[in-house]
Amino acid sequence: MSKIRVKMADLNVGKKNDVLITSGLGSCVGVALYDSHSQIGGLAHIMLPEVPDNRENNNPAKYADTAVELLLEEMKKIGANTRRLKAKIAGGAQMFDFDNSDSNMKIGTRNVKAVKRILREENIRILGSDVGRDYGRTMEFYTEDGRTLIKTVKGEDQVL
């Protein structure tokens, strides 16, 4: 069993018996995709909902609107069938309390909405999620069975 670390604004894929791990999911969203037949999985650590119009996208793994597409491509390269993919998501917390109601400041909420919209457009069903609230998370995604362990700073760990 090999452990594959996924950093912030990064993604990676694994095959049978790999464990994909990402930590530091505050307002960021972790997206785990899994093809149970081939036991191929992928994990993305998404920071922002979309590429800003005024910026060049030098890191497609950073944004929901490009990271999911890139993750699908990487999984196909190693044999995943995208029609069989299922998803689990975590993160999207509101880490800071803002006095105003400016929705642009609610990055976590915007990230979750963007990820859900993109997965729906790709016809990928979400089987489990642990999103929102006000604390960070770590995801451990096991490609042998699709199990996803969510560890929290509050000690309320769960398996999706």
Protein backbone atom coordinates (compact mmCIF):
# COMPACT_ATOMS: atom_id res chain seq x y z
CA MET A 1 0.00 0.00 0.00
CA SER A 2 1.49 3.32 -1.01
CA LYS A 3 0.46 6.66 0.41
CA ILE A 4 0.13 9.46 -2.12
CA ARG A 5 0.06 13.01 -0.75
CA VAL A 6 -2.06 15.61 -2.52
CA LYS A 7 -1.02 19.16 -1.68
CA MET A 8 -3.18 22.27 -1.78
CA ALA A 9 -4.12 23.23 -5.37
CA ASP A 10 -2.97 19.80 -6.53
CA LEU A 11 -4.39 16.46 -7.61
CA ASN A 12 -3.24 12.90 -8.07
CA VAL A 13 -4.51 9.44 -9.03
CA GLY A 14 -3.95 5.97 -7.65
CA LYS A 15 -4.66 2.31 -8.32
CA LYS A 16 -5.63 -0.63 -6.16
CA ASN A 17 -4.21 -0.45 -2.62
CA ASP A 18 -3.10 3.21 -2.84
CA VAL A 19 -4.18 5.76 -0.25
CA LEU A 20 -4.60 9.33 -1.48
CA ILE A 21 -4.31 11.86 1.35
CA THR A 22 -4.91 15.59 1.51
CA SER A 23 -4.92 17.78 4.58
CA GLY A 24 -5.62 21.43 5.31
CA LEU A 25 -9.13 21.42 3.85
CA GLY A 26 -10.56 24.60 5.33
CA SER A 27 -12.48 26.56 2.71
CA CYS A 28 -10.87 24.30 0.10
CA VAL A 29 -12.79 21.26 -1.13
CA GLY A 30 -11.39 17.78 -1.51
CA VAL A 31 -12.94 15.80 -4.36
CA ALA A 32 -12.43 12.04 -4.42
CA LEU A 33 -13.52 10.20 -7.59
CA TYR A 34 -13.67 6.41 -7.73
CA ASP A 35 -14.18 3.69 -10.33
CA SER A 36 -14.94 0.62 -8.21
CA HIS A 37 -14.59 -1.82 -11.10
CA SER A 38 -10.98 -0.88 -11.90
CA GLN A 39 -10.19 0.27 -8.34
CA ILE A 40 -8.83 3.53 -9.70
CA GLY A 41 -9.28 6.70 -7.72
CA GLY A 42 -8.37 10.33 -7.92
CA LEU A 43 -8.22 13.15 -5.40
CA ALA A 44 -8.14 16.90 -5.99
CA HIS A 45 -7.57 19.66 -3.40
CA ILE A 46 -9.46 22.60 -4.89
CA MET A 47 -8.85 26.14 -3.60
CA LEU A 48 -11.22 28.33 -5.62
CA PRO A 49 -14.45 27.90 -7.60
CA GLU A 50 -13.33 29.23 -10.98
CA VAL A 51 -10.45 30.74 -12.87
CA PRO A 52 -10.72 34.56 -12.66
CA ASP A 53 -11.35 36.26 -16.01
CA ASN A 54 -8.34 38.52 -15.53
CA ARG A 55 -5.85 35.71 -14.84
CA GLU A 56 -3.96 33.13 -16.78
CA ASN A 57 -4.56 29.64 -15.41
CA ASN A 58 -1.09 28.36 -14.62
CA ASN A 59 -2.46 25.72 -12.22
CA PRO A 60 -5.66 24.00 -13.36
CA ALA A 61 -5.74 21.91 -10.13
CA LYS A 62 -6.38 25.11 -8.15
CA TYR A 63 -9.86 25.80 -9.55
CA ALA A 64 -13.01 23.66 -9.47
CA ASP A 65 -13.91 24.49 -13.07
CA THR A 66 -10.62 23.05 -14.37
CA ALA A 67 -9.48 20.61 -11.66
CA VAL A 68 -12.34 18.13 -12.08
CA GLU A 69 -11.77 18.00 -15.84
CA LEU A 70 -8.03 17.45 -15.34
CA LEU A 71 -8.69 14.75 -12.72
CA LEU A 72 -11.01 12.93 -15.14
CA GLU A 73 -8.31 13.02 -17.83
CA GLU A 74 -5.64 11.67 -15.47
CA MET A 75 -7.91 8.86 -14.29
CA LYS A 76 -8.78 7.86 -17.87
CA LYS A 77 -5.06 7.64 -18.70
CA ILE A 78 -4.60 4.85 -16.15
CA GLY A 79 -7.75 2.95 -17.09
CA ALA A 80 -10.75 4.43 -15.25
CA ASN A 81 -14.12 4.45 -16.96
CA THR A 82 -15.65 7.87 -16.32
CA ARG A 83 -19.20 6.50 -16.70
CA ARG A 84 -18.66 4.43 -13.55
CA LEU A 85 -17.27 7.22 -11.38
CA LYS A 86 -18.77 8.18 -8.03
CA ALA A 87 -17.66 11.06 -5.82
CA LYS A 88 -17.12 11.97 -2.21
CA ILE A 89 -16.40 15.54 -1.16
CA ALA A 90 -15.18 17.27 2.01
CA GLY A 91 -14.21 20.76 3.15
CA GLY A 92 -15.79 24.02 2.14
CA ALA A 93 -15.73 25.42 5.66
CA GLN A 94 -16.27 29.05 6.62
CA MET A 95 -13.02 29.45 8.52
CA PHE A 96 -13.42 33.12 9.41
CA ASP A 97 -16.39 35.06 10.72
CA PHE A 98 -17.06 38.11 8.55
CA ASP A 99 -19.34 40.93 9.71
CA ASN A 100 -20.72 41.56 6.23
CA SER A 101 -22.84 39.28 4.10
CA ASP A 102 -20.73 39.62 0.95
CA SER A 103 -21.07 36.22 -0.70
CA ASN A 104 -17.65 36.65 -2.36
CA MET A 105 -16.08 36.26 1.08
CA LYS A 106 -17.76 32.86 1.57
CA ILE A 107 -15.17 30.95 -0.42
CA GLY A 108 -16.02 27.59 1.16
CA THR A 109 -19.68 27.82 0.21
CA ARG A 110 -18.79 28.96 -3.31
CA ASN A 111 -16.32 26.07 -3.67
CA VAL A 112 -18.90 23.47 -2.61
CA LYS A 113 -21.53 24.89 -5.00
CA ALA A 114 -19.05 24.90 -7.90
CA VAL A 115 -17.91 21.32 -7.24
CA LYS A 116 -21.49 20.04 -6.95
CA ARG A 117 -22.49 21.82 -10.18
CA ILE A 118 -19.52 20.43 -12.11
CA LEU A 119 -20.05 16.88 -10.84
CA ARG A 120 -23.74 17.11 -11.79
CA GLU A 121 -22.77 18.32 -15.29
CA GLU A 122 -20.38 15.35 -15.60
CA ASN A 123 -23.13 12.95 -14.39
CA ILE A 124 -21.04 11.92 -11.39
CA ARG A 125 -23.13 11.11 -8.34
CA ILE A 126 -21.95 12.21 -4.91
CA LEU A 127 -22.15 9.25 -2.53
CA GLY A 128 -20.95 11.08 0.57
CA SER A 129 -20.00 14.52 1.77
CA ASP A 130 -18.80 16.35 4.84
CA VAL A 131 -18.88 20.03 3.96
CA GLY A 132 -19.44 23.41 5.58
CA ARG A 133 -19.20 24.33 9.24
CA ASP A 134 -16.15 26.12 10.65
CA TYR A 135 -13.29 23.65 10.97
CA GLY A 136 -10.60 22.00 8.91
CA ARG A 137 -10.45 18.46 7.62
CA THR A 138 -8.10 15.81 6.26
CA MET A 139 -9.24 13.24 3.68
CA GLU A 140 -7.79 9.75 3.36
CA PHE A 141 -9.16 8.00 0.27
CA TYR A 142 -8.58 4.23 -0.07
CA THR A 143 -8.61 2.93 -3.65
CA GLU A 144 -9.10 -0.70 -2.62
CA ASP A 145 -12.75 -0.05 -1.69
CA GLY A 146 -13.51 3.68 -2.12
CA ARG A 147 -13.65 4.25 1.62
CA THR A 148 -12.94 7.85 2.56
CA LEU A 149 -11.90 8.72 6.08
CA ILE A 150 -12.53 12.31 7.14
CA LYS A 151 -10.47 13.48 10.10
CA THR A 152 -11.37 16.77 11.74
CA VAL A 153 -9.64 19.09 14.16
CA LYS A 154 -12.71 18.67 16.39
CA GLY A 155 -12.10 14.93 16.66
CA GLU A 156 -15.36 14.00 14.94
CA ASP A 157 -13.83 11.58 12.45
CA GLN A 158 -16.11 9.69 10.08
CA VAL A 159 -16.02 7.32 7.12
CA LEU A 160 -17.88 8.32 3.96
